Amino acid sequence: MGASLQLGMAMMPEPEVVPPQKRAGRVVAVYMTADRSEDGFQTDAVAVLTLEPDGIAGSRHKGWTRPADVRAPYVPRKTPIRNTRALTIVSVEDLAVAARRMDIEAIDPRWIGANLLIEGIERFSFLPRGTHLLCDGGAILIIEDQNAPCRFSGVAIASHTGRPEMECDFPRQATRLRGVVASVEHSGTIAPGCAITARIPEQWLYR
């Protein structure tokens, strides 16, 4: 190892490592995609979700791959990439904060394409990649990423509230409050009222 590399490593701060943790919550509602058009994403409440290894049974977003979009700028658009967005999960607490910031009564999870609404896990949208969500019905989800708010959801909120400014207000005010996207690690069912446990992995900040 060269002297300059050794010096550089010696000067780097030792990363703070946060031990694994668990958090308990509850599923409030489950939803399926209602809009079957090519760009449709809004959802409707259902009694139960059946999860299979490649996503929600019957969902238009089910599949091992998805076409690359603006979220994957490192490949050409429409390139097939792994589907890390099989489910969209939001929390009661985070949506309430976003609604207050936007000065509206509430944000209905269906407007923004949610599949799961949960409560009881604080700062839910900050759960890191690799967090496992264990559900009473046997399903196990793995969080793939934080879900960034977009203007498509803003358009839906504007339509439902009659306030056109929401189209741009939602991406600004709901940053880091839009929940997470997840994939399925183990098949099972999820229904309203079931308990959910977040197994948060060891974390560190790489500088």
N, C-alpha and C. Protein backbone atom coordinates (compact mmCIF):
# COMPACT_ATOMS: atom_id res chain seq x y z
N MET A 1 0.85 -1.19 0.00
CA MET A 1 0.00 0.00 0.00
C MET A 1 0.89 1.24 0.00
N GLY A 2 0.61 2.20 -0.92
CA GLY A 2 1.43 3.39 -1.01
C GLY A 2 1.28 4.28 0.20
N ALA A 3 2.29 5.13 0.44
CA ALA A 3 2.29 6.01 1.61
C ALA A 3 1.14 7.01 1.53
N SER A 4 0.85 7.54 0.32
CA SER A 4 -0.21 8.53 0.19
C SER A 4 -1.58 7.91 0.49
N LEU A 5 -1.78 6.64 0.05
CA LEU A 5 -3.04 5.97 0.33
C LEU A 5 -3.18 5.70 1.82
N GLN A 6 -2.09 5.28 2.46
CA GLN A 6 -2.11 5.03 3.90
C GLN A 6 -2.45 6.31 4.66
N LEU A 7 -1.87 7.43 4.22
CA LEU A 7 -2.11 8.71 4.88
C LEU A 7 -3.57 9.11 4.71
N GLY A 8 -4.09 8.92 3.48
CA GLY A 8 -5.48 9.27 3.22
C GLY A 8 -6.43 8.47 4.10
N MET A 9 -6.16 7.18 4.25
CA MET A 9 -7.03 6.33 5.08
C MET A 9 -6.93 6.74 6.54
N ALA A 10 -5.73 7.12 6.97
CA ALA A 10 -5.54 7.52 8.36
C ALA A 10 -6.31 8.79 8.67
N MET A 11 -6.46 9.68 7.67
CA MET A 11 -7.14 10.95 7.88
C MET A 11 -8.65 10.83 7.81
N MET A 12 -9.16 9.76 7.21
CA MET A 12 -10.61 9.58 7.11
C MET A 12 -11.19 9.31 8.49
N PRO A 13 -12.29 9.97 8.84
CA PRO A 13 -12.90 9.70 10.14
C PRO A 13 -13.46 8.28 10.19
N GLU A 14 -13.37 7.67 11.35
CA GLU A 14 -13.92 6.33 11.52
C GLU A 14 -15.45 6.42 11.45
N PRO A 15 -16.08 5.65 10.57
CA PRO A 15 -17.54 5.75 10.46
C PRO A 15 -18.23 5.37 11.76
N GLU A 16 -19.28 6.13 12.10
CA GLU A 16 -20.11 5.76 13.24
C GLU A 16 -21.05 4.63 12.81
N VAL A 17 -21.06 3.56 13.54
CA VAL A 17 -21.90 2.41 13.20
C VAL A 17 -23.05 2.34 14.20
N VAL A 18 -24.27 2.34 13.67
CA VAL A 18 -25.47 2.25 14.51
C VAL A 18 -25.92 0.79 14.53
N PRO A 19 -26.11 0.19 15.69
CA PRO A 19 -26.49 -1.23 15.75
C PRO A 19 -27.86 -1.50 15.13
N PRO A 20 -28.14 -2.76 14.79
CA PRO A 20 -29.46 -3.13 14.28
C PRO A 20 -30.54 -2.80 15.30
N GLN A 21 -31.75 -2.55 14.79
CA GLN A 21 -32.88 -2.20 15.64
C GLN A 21 -34.15 -2.87 15.13
N LYS A 22 -35.18 -2.84 15.96
CA LYS A 22 -36.51 -3.28 15.55
C LYS A 22 -37.53 -2.20 15.89
N ARG A 23 -38.56 -2.07 15.06
CA ARG A 23 -39.67 -1.17 15.32
C ARG A 23 -40.97 -1.90 14.97
N ALA A 24 -42.01 -1.65 15.76
CA ALA A 24 -43.30 -2.32 15.53
C ALA A 24 -44.33 -1.32 15.03
N GLY A 25 -45.14 -1.75 14.07
CA GLY A 25 -46.21 -0.92 13.54
C GLY A 25 -47.41 -1.77 13.18
N ARG A 26 -48.36 -1.15 12.50
CA ARG A 26 -49.60 -1.83 12.13
C ARG A 26 -50.02 -1.39 10.74
N VAL A 27 -50.55 -2.31 9.96
CA VAL A 27 -51.08 -1.99 8.64
C VAL A 27 -52.48 -1.40 8.80
N VAL A 28 -52.68 -0.21 8.26
CA VAL A 28 -53.98 0.47 8.35
C VAL A 28 -54.85 0.11 7.15
N ALA A 29 -54.26 0.09 5.95
CA ALA A 29 -55.03 -0.18 4.74
C ALA A 29 -54.10 -0.73 3.66
N VAL A 30 -54.70 -1.46 2.72
CA VAL A 30 -53.94 -1.99 1.58
C VAL A 30 -54.67 -1.60 0.30
N TYR A 31 -53.90 -1.41 -0.77
CA TYR A 31 -54.44 -0.85 -2.01
C TYR A 31 -53.86 -1.57 -3.22
N MET A 32 -54.64 -1.53 -4.31
CA MET A 32 -54.19 -2.07 -5.60
C MET A 32 -54.36 -1.00 -6.66
N THR A 33 -53.55 -1.06 -7.70
CA THR A 33 -53.64 -0.11 -8.79
C THR A 33 -55.01 -0.19 -9.45
N ALA A 34 -55.68 0.96 -9.54
CA ALA A 34 -57.01 1.01 -10.14
C ALA A 34 -56.95 1.43 -11.60
N ASP A 35 -56.06 2.36 -11.91
CA ASP A 35 -55.93 2.92 -13.25
C ASP A 35 -55.10 1.97 -14.11
N ARG A 36 -55.70 1.37 -15.12
CA ARG A 36 -55.00 0.38 -15.95
C ARG A 36 -54.33 1.00 -17.17
N SER A 37 -54.38 2.33 -17.32
CA SER A 37 -53.73 2.97 -18.46
C SER A 37 -52.22 2.86 -18.32
N GLU A 38 -51.52 3.18 -19.39
CA GLU A 38 -50.07 2.98 -19.42
C GLU A 38 -49.37 3.74 -18.30
N ASP A 39 -49.83 4.96 -18.02
CA ASP A 39 -49.19 5.78 -17.00
C ASP A 39 -49.98 5.81 -15.70
N GLY A 40 -50.99 4.94 -15.58
CA GLY A 40 -51.83 4.97 -14.39
C GLY A 40 -51.10 4.49 -13.15
N PHE A 41 -51.37 5.14 -12.03
CA PHE A 41 -50.71 4.72 -10.79
C PHE A 41 -51.61 4.83 -9.57
N GLN A 42 -52.75 5.53 -9.66
CA GLN A 42 -53.61 5.67 -8.49
C GLN A 42 -54.20 4.31 -8.10
N THR A 43 -54.51 4.16 -6.83
CA THR A 43 -54.92 2.86 -6.30
C THR A 43 -56.29 2.92 -5.65
N ASP A 44 -56.87 1.73 -5.41
CA ASP A 44 -58.12 1.56 -4.69
C ASP A 44 -57.91 0.64 -3.50
N ALA A 45 -58.66 0.87 -2.44
CA ALA A 45 -58.57 0.01 -1.26
C ALA A 45 -59.11 -1.38 -1.58
N VAL A 46 -58.45 -2.41 -1.05
CA VAL A 46 -58.89 -3.80 -1.20
C VAL A 46 -58.85 -4.48 0.17
N ALA A 47 -59.40 -5.69 0.24
CA ALA A 47 -59.45 -6.40 1.52
C ALA A 47 -58.13 -7.02 1.89
N VAL A 48 -57.37 -7.46 0.89
CA VAL A 48 -56.12 -8.16 1.18
C VAL A 48 -55.20 -8.06 -0.04
N LEU A 49 -53.90 -8.05 0.20
CA LEU A 49 -52.91 -8.15 -0.87
C LEU A 49 -52.26 -9.51 -0.80
N THR A 50 -52.17 -10.19 -1.94
CA THR A 50 -51.44 -11.44 -2.03
C THR A 50 -50.11 -11.15 -2.69
N LEU A 51 -49.05 -11.41 -1.96
CA LEU A 51 -47.71 -11.09 -2.46
C LEU A 51 -47.01 -12.34 -2.94
N GLU A 52 -46.44 -12.24 -4.13
CA GLU A 52 -45.66 -13.31 -4.74
C GLU A 52 -44.23 -12.79 -4.92
N PRO A 53 -43.29 -13.66 -5.23
CA PRO A 53 -41.89 -13.21 -5.30
C PRO A 53 -41.64 -12.02 -6.22
N ASP A 54 -42.45 -11.86 -7.27
CA ASP A 54 -42.23 -10.75 -8.20
C ASP A 54 -43.25 -9.62 -8.03
N GLY A 55 -43.95 -9.59 -6.88
CA GLY A 55 -44.84 -8.46 -6.64
C GLY A 55 -46.23 -8.85 -6.18
N ILE A 56 -47.15 -7.91 -6.32
CA ILE A 56 -48.54 -8.10 -5.89
C ILE A 56 -49.31 -8.84 -6.96
N ALA A 57 -49.94 -9.96 -6.58
CA ALA A 57 -50.73 -10.73 -7.54
C ALA A 57 -51.83 -9.84 -8.13
N GLY A 58 -51.89 -9.79 -9.47
CA GLY A 58 -52.91 -9.01 -10.16
C GLY A 58 -52.55 -7.56 -10.39
N SER A 59 -51.40 -7.12 -9.92
CA SER A 59 -51.02 -5.72 -10.08
C SER A 59 -50.35 -5.49 -11.43
N ARG A 60 -50.60 -4.34 -12.02
CA ARG A 60 -49.95 -4.00 -13.29
C ARG A 60 -48.46 -3.71 -13.08
N HIS A 61 -48.04 -3.54 -11.83
CA HIS A 61 -46.62 -3.29 -11.55
C HIS A 61 -45.88 -4.57 -11.17
N LYS A 62 -46.54 -5.70 -11.26
CA LYS A 62 -45.90 -6.97 -10.91
C LYS A 62 -44.89 -7.36 -11.99
N GLY A 63 -43.78 -7.95 -11.59
CA GLY A 63 -42.79 -8.41 -12.56
C GLY A 63 -41.39 -8.29 -12.03
N TRP A 64 -40.49 -9.11 -12.56
CA TRP A 64 -39.10 -9.09 -12.12
C TRP A 64 -38.36 -7.87 -12.62
N THR A 65 -38.81 -7.30 -13.74
CA THR A 65 -38.14 -6.13 -14.31
C THR A 65 -39.15 -5.02 -14.55
N ARG A 66 -38.62 -3.83 -14.77
CA ARG A 66 -39.43 -2.68 -15.16
C ARG A 66 -38.60 -1.84 -16.13
N PRO A 67 -39.23 -1.03 -16.97
CA PRO A 67 -38.47 -0.19 -17.89
C PRO A 67 -37.83 0.98 -17.14
N ALA A 68 -36.59 1.26 -17.43
CA ALA A 68 -35.89 2.36 -16.78
C ALA A 68 -36.57 3.69 -17.11
N ASP A 69 -36.62 4.56 -16.10
CA ASP A 69 -37.20 5.89 -16.30
C ASP A 69 -36.24 6.92 -15.73
N VAL A 70 -36.76 8.09 -15.36
CA VAL A 70 -35.91 9.17 -14.88
C VAL A 70 -35.17 8.80 -13.59
N ARG A 71 -35.68 7.80 -12.87
CA ARG A 71 -35.01 7.38 -11.63
C ARG A 71 -33.73 6.59 -11.89
N ALA A 72 -33.51 6.18 -13.12
CA ALA A 72 -32.31 5.41 -13.47
C ALA A 72 -31.59 6.11 -14.62
N PRO A 73 -30.97 7.28 -14.36
CA PRO A 73 -30.36 8.07 -15.43
C PRO A 73 -29.09 7.47 -16.00
N TYR A 74 -28.61 6.38 -15.41
CA TYR A 74 -27.35 5.77 -15.84
C TYR A 74 -27.55 4.75 -16.96
N VAL A 75 -28.79 4.52 -17.39
CA VAL A 75 -29.07 3.64 -18.53
C VAL A 75 -30.08 4.34 -19.44
N PRO A 76 -30.15 3.95 -20.72
CA PRO A 76 -31.14 4.55 -21.61
C PRO A 76 -32.56 4.27 -21.14
N ARG A 77 -33.45 5.21 -21.38
CA ARG A 77 -34.85 5.05 -21.02
C ARG A 77 -35.40 3.76 -21.64
N LYS A 78 -36.29 3.11 -20.91
CA LYS A 78 -36.98 1.88 -21.33
C LYS A 78 -36.12 0.63 -21.23
N THR A 79 -34.83 0.78 -20.85
CA THR A 79 -34.00 -0.41 -20.65
C THR A 79 -34.59 -1.27 -19.54
N PRO A 80 -34.75 -2.57 -19.73
CA PRO A 80 -35.26 -3.42 -18.64
C PRO A 80 -34.26 -3.46 -17.48
N ILE A 81 -34.73 -3.11 -16.30
CA ILE A 81 -33.91 -3.18 -15.09
C ILE A 81 -34.69 -3.92 -14.01
N ARG A 82 -33.99 -4.34 -12.95
CA ARG A 82 -34.66 -5.07 -11.88
C ARG A 82 -35.77 -4.22 -11.26
N ASN A 83 -36.90 -4.83 -11.01
CA ASN A 83 -38.04 -4.11 -10.44
C ASN A 83 -37.88 -3.98 -8.93
N THR A 84 -37.40 -2.82 -8.50
CA THR A 84 -37.26 -2.54 -7.07
C THR A 84 -38.46 -1.78 -6.53
N ARG A 85 -39.49 -1.61 -7.37
CA ARG A 85 -40.63 -0.79 -7.01
C ARG A 85 -41.93 -1.59 -7.06
N ALA A 86 -41.86 -2.83 -6.59
CA ALA A 86 -43.05 -3.68 -6.62
C ALA A 86 -44.16 -3.15 -5.72
N LEU A 87 -43.78 -2.51 -4.61
CA LEU A 87 -44.75 -1.94 -3.68
C LEU A 87 -44.34 -0.53 -3.27
N THR A 88 -45.34 0.32 -3.10
CA THR A 88 -45.15 1.65 -2.54
C THR A 88 -45.80 1.67 -1.16
N ILE A 89 -45.04 2.09 -0.15
CA ILE A 89 -45.52 2.05 1.23
C ILE A 89 -45.40 3.44 1.84
N VAL A 90 -46.48 3.91 2.45
CA VAL A 90 -46.49 5.23 3.09
C VAL A 90 -46.98 5.08 4.53
N SER A 91 -46.78 6.13 5.32
CA SER A 91 -47.22 6.07 6.71
C SER A 91 -48.20 7.18 7.04
N VAL A 92 -49.07 6.90 7.98
CA VAL A 92 -50.04 7.88 8.45
C VAL A 92 -49.33 9.14 8.93
N GLU A 93 -48.27 8.94 9.71
CA GLU A 93 -47.58 10.06 10.33
C GLU A 93 -46.90 10.97 9.30
N ASP A 94 -46.21 10.37 8.34
CA ASP A 94 -45.50 11.19 7.35
C ASP A 94 -46.47 11.95 6.44
N LEU A 95 -47.56 11.30 6.04
CA LEU A 95 -48.53 11.98 5.17
C LEU A 95 -49.21 13.13 5.91
N ALA A 96 -49.41 12.98 7.21
CA ALA A 96 -50.01 14.06 7.99
C ALA A 96 -49.10 15.29 8.02
N VAL A 97 -47.79 15.06 8.15
CA VAL A 97 -46.84 16.17 8.13
C VAL A 97 -46.86 16.86 6.77
N ALA A 98 -46.85 16.07 5.70
CA ALA A 98 -46.87 16.64 4.35
C ALA A 98 -48.14 17.45 4.12
N ALA A 99 -49.28 16.94 4.58
CA ALA A 99 -50.55 17.65 4.40
C ALA A 99 -50.53 18.99 5.14
N ARG A 100 -49.98 19.00 6.35
CA ARG A 100 -49.89 20.27 7.09
C ARG A 100 -49.02 21.27 6.35
N ARG A 101 -47.91 20.80 5.83
CA ARG A 101 -47.02 21.70 5.09
C ARG A 101 -47.71 22.28 3.86
N MET A 102 -48.58 21.48 3.25
CA MET A 102 -49.27 21.90 2.03
C MET A 102 -50.57 22.63 2.32
N ASP A 103 -50.93 22.73 3.59
CA ASP A 103 -52.16 23.41 4.00
C ASP A 103 -53.40 22.77 3.37
N ILE A 104 -53.43 21.43 3.39
CA ILE A 104 -54.63 20.71 2.98
C ILE A 104 -55.02 19.76 4.11
N GLU A 105 -56.26 19.34 4.10
CA GLU A 105 -56.77 18.54 5.22
C GLU A 105 -56.05 17.20 5.33
N ALA A 106 -55.84 16.53 4.20
CA ALA A 106 -55.20 15.21 4.22
C ALA A 106 -54.74 14.85 2.82
N ILE A 107 -53.80 13.91 2.76
CA ILE A 107 -53.38 13.31 1.49
C ILE A 107 -53.85 11.87 1.50
N ASP A 108 -54.78 11.55 0.64
CA ASP A 108 -55.28 10.18 0.56
C ASP A 108 -54.21 9.30 -0.10
N PRO A 109 -53.80 8.21 0.55
CA PRO A 109 -52.76 7.35 -0.03
C PRO A 109 -53.09 6.86 -1.43
N ARG A 110 -54.38 6.74 -1.74
CA ARG A 110 -54.77 6.26 -3.08
C ARG A 110 -54.37 7.24 -4.16
N TRP A 111 -54.39 8.53 -3.85
CA TRP A 111 -54.05 9.54 -4.85
C TRP A 111 -52.62 9.40 -5.33
N ILE A 112 -51.73 8.95 -4.45
CA ILE A 112 -50.31 8.92 -4.79
C ILE A 112 -49.82 7.48 -5.03
N GLY A 113 -50.76 6.57 -5.27
CA GLY A 113 -50.39 5.23 -5.71
C GLY A 113 -49.85 4.31 -4.65
N ALA A 114 -50.23 4.52 -3.39
CA ALA A 114 -49.72 3.66 -2.31
C ALA A 114 -50.34 2.27 -2.38
N ASN A 115 -49.57 1.28 -1.96
CA ASN A 115 -50.07 -0.09 -1.80
C ASN A 115 -50.29 -0.46 -0.34
N LEU A 116 -49.51 0.16 0.56
CA LEU A 116 -49.65 -0.08 1.99
C LEU A 116 -49.65 1.24 2.72
N LEU A 117 -50.56 1.37 3.70
CA LEU A 117 -50.55 2.48 4.63
C LEU A 117 -50.31 1.90 6.01
N ILE A 118 -49.26 2.36 6.67
CA ILE A 118 -48.96 1.83 7.99
C ILE A 118 -48.90 2.95 9.01
N GLU A 119 -48.95 2.58 10.28
CA GLU A 119 -48.80 3.56 11.34
C GLU A 119 -47.97 2.96 12.47
N GLY A 120 -47.40 3.84 13.27
CA GLY A 120 -46.69 3.41 14.47
C GLY A 120 -45.19 3.38 14.37
N ILE A 121 -44.63 3.52 13.16
CA ILE A 121 -43.17 3.52 13.01
C ILE A 121 -42.74 4.95 12.68
N GLU A 122 -42.09 5.58 13.63
CA GLU A 122 -41.74 6.99 13.48
C GLU A 122 -40.72 7.18 12.36
N ARG A 123 -40.82 8.32 11.69
CA ARG A 123 -39.90 8.65 10.59
C ARG A 123 -39.82 7.51 9.58
N PHE A 124 -40.96 6.99 9.23
CA PHE A 124 -40.99 5.78 8.40
C PHE A 124 -40.22 5.97 7.09
N SER A 125 -40.34 7.13 6.48
CA SER A 125 -39.71 7.35 5.18
C SER A 125 -38.18 7.32 5.26
N PHE A 126 -37.62 7.38 6.46
CA PHE A 126 -36.18 7.33 6.63
C PHE A 126 -35.66 5.92 6.89
N LEU A 127 -36.52 4.93 6.92
CA LEU A 127 -36.02 3.56 7.09
C LEU A 127 -35.03 3.26 5.97
N PRO A 128 -33.86 2.73 6.28
CA PRO A 128 -32.81 2.57 5.27
C PRO A 128 -33.05 1.39 4.33
N ARG A 129 -32.35 1.43 3.21
CA ARG A 129 -32.34 0.29 2.30
C ARG A 129 -31.91 -0.97 3.08
N GLY A 130 -32.53 -2.07 2.75
CA GLY A 130 -32.18 -3.31 3.42
C GLY A 130 -33.01 -3.61 4.65
N THR A 131 -33.87 -2.67 5.06
CA THR A 131 -34.77 -2.94 6.18
C THR A 131 -35.79 -4.00 5.76
N HIS A 132 -35.97 -5.01 6.59
CA HIS A 132 -36.98 -6.04 6.33
C HIS A 132 -38.27 -5.70 7.08
N LEU A 133 -39.40 -5.83 6.40
CA LEU A 133 -40.71 -5.63 7.00
C LEU A 133 -41.39 -6.98 7.08
N LEU A 134 -41.56 -7.49 8.30
CA LEU A 134 -42.15 -8.80 8.53
C LEU A 134 -43.63 -8.61 8.88
N CYS A 135 -44.51 -9.25 8.11
CA CYS A 135 -45.95 -9.06 8.26
C CYS A 135 -46.60 -10.31 8.85
N ASP A 136 -47.69 -10.10 9.58
CA ASP A 136 -48.40 -11.20 10.23
C ASP A 136 -48.79 -12.32 9.26
N GLY A 137 -49.15 -11.96 8.03
CA GLY A 137 -49.60 -12.95 7.08
C GLY A 137 -48.49 -13.76 6.44
N GLY A 138 -47.26 -13.60 6.95
CA GLY A 138 -46.13 -14.39 6.44
C GLY A 138 -45.29 -13.67 5.42
N ALA A 139 -45.81 -12.61 4.82
CA ALA A 139 -45.05 -11.89 3.80
C ALA A 139 -43.87 -11.16 4.43
N ILE A 140 -42.76 -11.13 3.70
CA ILE A 140 -41.59 -10.36 4.11
C ILE A 140 -41.22 -9.44 2.95
N LEU A 141 -41.15 -8.15 3.24
CA LEU A 141 -40.76 -7.16 2.26
C LEU A 141 -39.36 -6.65 2.59
N ILE A 142 -38.68 -6.15 1.59
CA ILE A 142 -37.37 -5.53 1.82
C ILE A 142 -37.39 -4.14 1.18
N ILE A 143 -37.05 -3.14 1.97
CA ILE A 143 -37.05 -1.76 1.49
C ILE A 143 -35.89 -1.56 0.53
N GLU A 144 -36.21 -1.03 -0.64
CA GLU A 144 -35.21 -0.81 -1.68
C GLU A 144 -34.73 0.64 -1.73
N ASP A 145 -35.61 1.58 -1.41
CA ASP A 145 -35.22 2.98 -1.54
C ASP A 145 -36.29 3.88 -0.92
N GLN A 146 -35.88 5.11 -0.61
CA GLN A 146 -36.85 6.14 -0.27
C GLN A 146 -37.56 6.56 -1.55
N ASN A 147 -38.85 6.85 -1.46
CA ASN A 147 -39.62 7.21 -2.64
C ASN A 147 -39.72 8.72 -2.75
N ALA A 148 -39.16 9.28 -3.80
CA ALA A 148 -39.18 10.74 -3.96
C ALA A 148 -40.54 11.20 -4.47
N PRO A 149 -41.08 12.30 -3.94
CA PRO A 149 -42.36 12.83 -4.44
C PRO A 149 -42.18 13.39 -5.85
N CYS A 150 -43.19 13.22 -6.68
CA CYS A 150 -43.09 13.65 -8.07
C CYS A 150 -44.31 14.47 -8.47
N ARG A 151 -44.21 15.10 -9.62
CA ARG A 151 -45.32 15.95 -10.10
C ARG A 151 -46.52 15.13 -10.54
N PHE A 152 -46.31 13.86 -10.93
CA PHE A 152 -47.47 13.03 -11.29
C PHE A 152 -48.41 12.91 -10.10
N SER A 153 -47.83 12.65 -8.92
CA SER A 153 -48.64 12.59 -7.71
C SER A 153 -49.22 13.96 -7.39
N GLY A 154 -48.43 15.01 -7.63
CA GLY A 154 -48.92 16.36 -7.40
C GLY A 154 -50.12 16.68 -8.26
N VAL A 155 -50.10 16.23 -9.51
CA VAL A 155 -51.25 16.44 -10.41
C VAL A 155 -52.49 15.75 -9.85
N ALA A 156 -52.31 14.53 -9.34
CA ALA A 156 -53.45 13.80 -8.77
C ALA A 156 -54.01 14.52 -7.56
N ILE A 157 -53.13 15.01 -6.68
CA ILE A 157 -53.59 15.75 -5.50
C ILE A 157 -54.31 17.03 -5.92
N ALA A 158 -53.76 17.72 -6.91
CA ALA A 158 -54.39 18.95 -7.41
C ALA A 158 -55.79 18.66 -7.94
N SER A 159 -55.92 17.55 -8.65
CA SER A 159 -57.22 17.18 -9.22
C SER A 159 -58.25 16.89 -8.13
N HIS A 160 -57.83 16.18 -7.09
CA HIS A 160 -58.77 15.80 -6.04
C HIS A 160 -59.11 16.95 -5.10
N THR A 161 -58.19 17.90 -4.95
CA THR A 161 -58.43 19.01 -4.02
C THR A 161 -58.92 20.27 -4.72
N GLY A 162 -58.83 20.29 -6.05
CA GLY A 162 -59.22 21.49 -6.77
C GLY A 162 -58.25 22.65 -6.60
N ARG A 163 -57.01 22.32 -6.26
CA ARG A 163 -55.99 23.36 -6.05
C ARG A 163 -54.81 23.10 -7.00
N PRO A 164 -54.78 23.78 -8.14
CA PRO A 164 -53.74 23.50 -9.15
C PRO A 164 -52.32 23.65 -8.64
N GLU A 165 -52.10 24.50 -7.65
CA GLU A 165 -50.73 24.72 -7.16
C GLU A 165 -50.14 23.48 -6.49
N MET A 166 -50.99 22.52 -6.16
CA MET A 166 -50.50 21.30 -5.52
C MET A 166 -49.59 20.49 -6.43
N GLU A 167 -49.72 20.67 -7.75
CA GLU A 167 -48.88 19.92 -8.69
C GLU A 167 -47.41 20.14 -8.38
N CYS A 168 -47.02 21.37 -8.11
CA CYS A 168 -45.62 21.67 -7.80
C CYS A 168 -45.36 21.70 -6.30
N ASP A 169 -46.39 21.94 -5.52
CA ASP A 169 -46.22 22.03 -4.07
C ASP A 169 -45.89 20.68 -3.46
N PHE A 170 -46.50 19.61 -3.99
CA PHE A 170 -46.26 18.29 -3.41
C PHE A 170 -44.79 17.88 -3.50
N PRO A 171 -44.13 17.98 -4.67
CA PRO A 171 -42.71 17.61 -4.71
C PRO A 171 -41.84 18.41 -3.75
N ARG A 172 -42.21 19.66 -3.49
CA ARG A 172 -41.41 20.48 -2.57
C ARG A 172 -41.68 20.12 -1.11
N GLN A 173 -42.94 20.01 -0.75
CA GLN A 173 -43.31 19.88 0.65
C GLN A 173 -43.25 18.44 1.17
N ALA A 174 -43.30 17.47 0.28
CA ALA A 174 -43.35 16.07 0.72
C ALA A 174 -41.99 15.37 0.61
N THR A 175 -40.94 16.12 0.39
CA THR A 175 -39.60 15.51 0.32
C THR A 175 -39.31 14.75 1.61
N ARG A 176 -38.89 13.50 1.46
CA ARG A 176 -38.57 12.59 2.56
C ARG A 176 -39.77 12.28 3.46
N LEU A 177 -40.96 12.44 2.89
CA LEU A 177 -42.19 12.08 3.59
C LEU A 177 -43.07 11.17 2.72
N ARG A 178 -42.57 10.79 1.55
CA ARG A 178 -43.35 10.09 0.53
C ARG A 178 -43.30 8.57 0.73
N GLY A 179 -42.64 8.12 1.80
CA GLY A 179 -42.58 6.68 2.05
C GLY A 179 -41.43 6.02 1.33
N VAL A 180 -41.58 4.73 1.10
CA VAL A 180 -40.51 3.91 0.52
C VAL A 180 -41.08 3.00 -0.56
N VAL A 181 -40.17 2.46 -1.37
CA VAL A 181 -40.54 1.40 -2.31
C VAL A 181 -39.87 0.12 -1.84
N ALA A 182 -40.51 -1.01 -2.14
CA ALA A 182 -40.03 -2.29 -1.62
C ALA A 182 -40.24 -3.40 -2.64
N SER A 183 -39.52 -4.49 -2.43
CA SER A 183 -39.72 -5.71 -3.19
C SER A 183 -40.10 -6.82 -2.22
N VAL A 184 -40.50 -7.96 -2.77
CA VAL A 184 -40.97 -9.08 -1.95
C VAL A 184 -39.82 -10.06 -1.73
N GLU A 185 -39.54 -10.36 -0.48
CA GLU A 185 -38.53 -11.37 -0.17
C GLU A 185 -39.17 -12.72 0.11
N HIS A 186 -40.41 -12.72 0.65
CA HIS A 186 -41.11 -13.97 0.91
C HIS A 186 -42.59 -13.76 0.69
N SER A 187 -43.22 -14.70 -0.01
CA SER A 187 -44.64 -14.60 -0.34
C SER A 187 -45.51 -14.65 0.91
N GLY A 188 -46.72 -14.12 0.78
CA GLY A 188 -47.67 -14.14 1.88
C GLY A 188 -48.80 -13.17 1.60
N THR A 189 -49.61 -12.90 2.61
CA THR A 189 -50.71 -11.96 2.47
C THR A 189 -50.56 -10.83 3.48
N ILE A 190 -51.14 -9.69 3.13
CA ILE A 190 -51.17 -8.54 4.02
C ILE A 190 -52.58 -7.98 4.00
N ALA A 191 -53.15 -7.76 5.17
CA ALA A 191 -54.49 -7.22 5.30
C ALA A 191 -54.50 -6.12 6.35
N PRO A 192 -55.49 -5.22 6.28
CA PRO A 192 -55.58 -4.18 7.30
C PRO A 192 -55.65 -4.78 8.71
N GLY A 193 -54.96 -4.13 9.63
CA GLY A 193 -54.96 -4.58 11.02
C GLY A 193 -53.82 -5.50 11.39
N CYS A 194 -53.10 -6.03 10.40
CA CYS A 194 -52.02 -6.96 10.75
C CYS A 194 -50.81 -6.20 11.29
N ALA A 195 -50.11 -6.86 12.19
CA ALA A 195 -48.90 -6.27 12.77
C ALA A 195 -47.76 -6.35 11.77
N ILE A 196 -46.86 -5.38 11.87
CA ILE A 196 -45.70 -5.36 10.98
C ILE A 196 -44.47 -4.98 11.81
N THR A 197 -43.39 -5.71 11.62
CA THR A 197 -42.16 -5.45 12.35
C THR A 197 -41.07 -5.05 11.38
N ALA A 198 -40.45 -3.91 11.65
CA ALA A 198 -39.32 -3.45 10.83
C ALA A 198 -38.02 -3.90 11.49
N ARG A 199 -37.25 -4.71 10.78
CA ARG A 199 -35.93 -5.13 11.24
C ARG A 199 -34.91 -4.26 10.50
N ILE A 200 -34.39 -3.27 11.21
CA ILE A 200 -33.52 -2.28 10.61
C ILE A 200 -32.07 -2.76 10.73
N PRO A 201 -31.34 -2.83 9.63
CA PRO A 201 -29.97 -3.37 9.68
C PRO A 201 -29.00 -2.39 10.33
N GLU A 202 -27.82 -2.88 10.60
CA GLU A 202 -26.72 -2.02 11.04
C GLU A 202 -26.52 -0.92 10.00
N GLN A 203 -26.28 0.29 10.48
CA GLN A 203 -26.14 1.43 9.58
C GLN A 203 -24.86 2.19 9.84
N TRP A 204 -24.40 2.88 8.80
CA TRP A 204 -23.25 3.78 8.91
C TRP A 204 -23.32 4.80 7.80
N LEU A 205 -22.61 5.90 7.99
CA LEU A 205 -22.56 6.96 6.98
C LEU A 205 -21.18 6.93 6.35
N TYR A 206 -21.14 6.60 5.05
CA TYR A 206 -19.86 6.55 4.34
C TYR A 206 -19.55 7.92 3.77
N ARG A 207 -18.45 8.50 4.18
CA ARG A 207 -18.07 9.83 3.71
C ARG A 207 -16.89 9.73 2.75
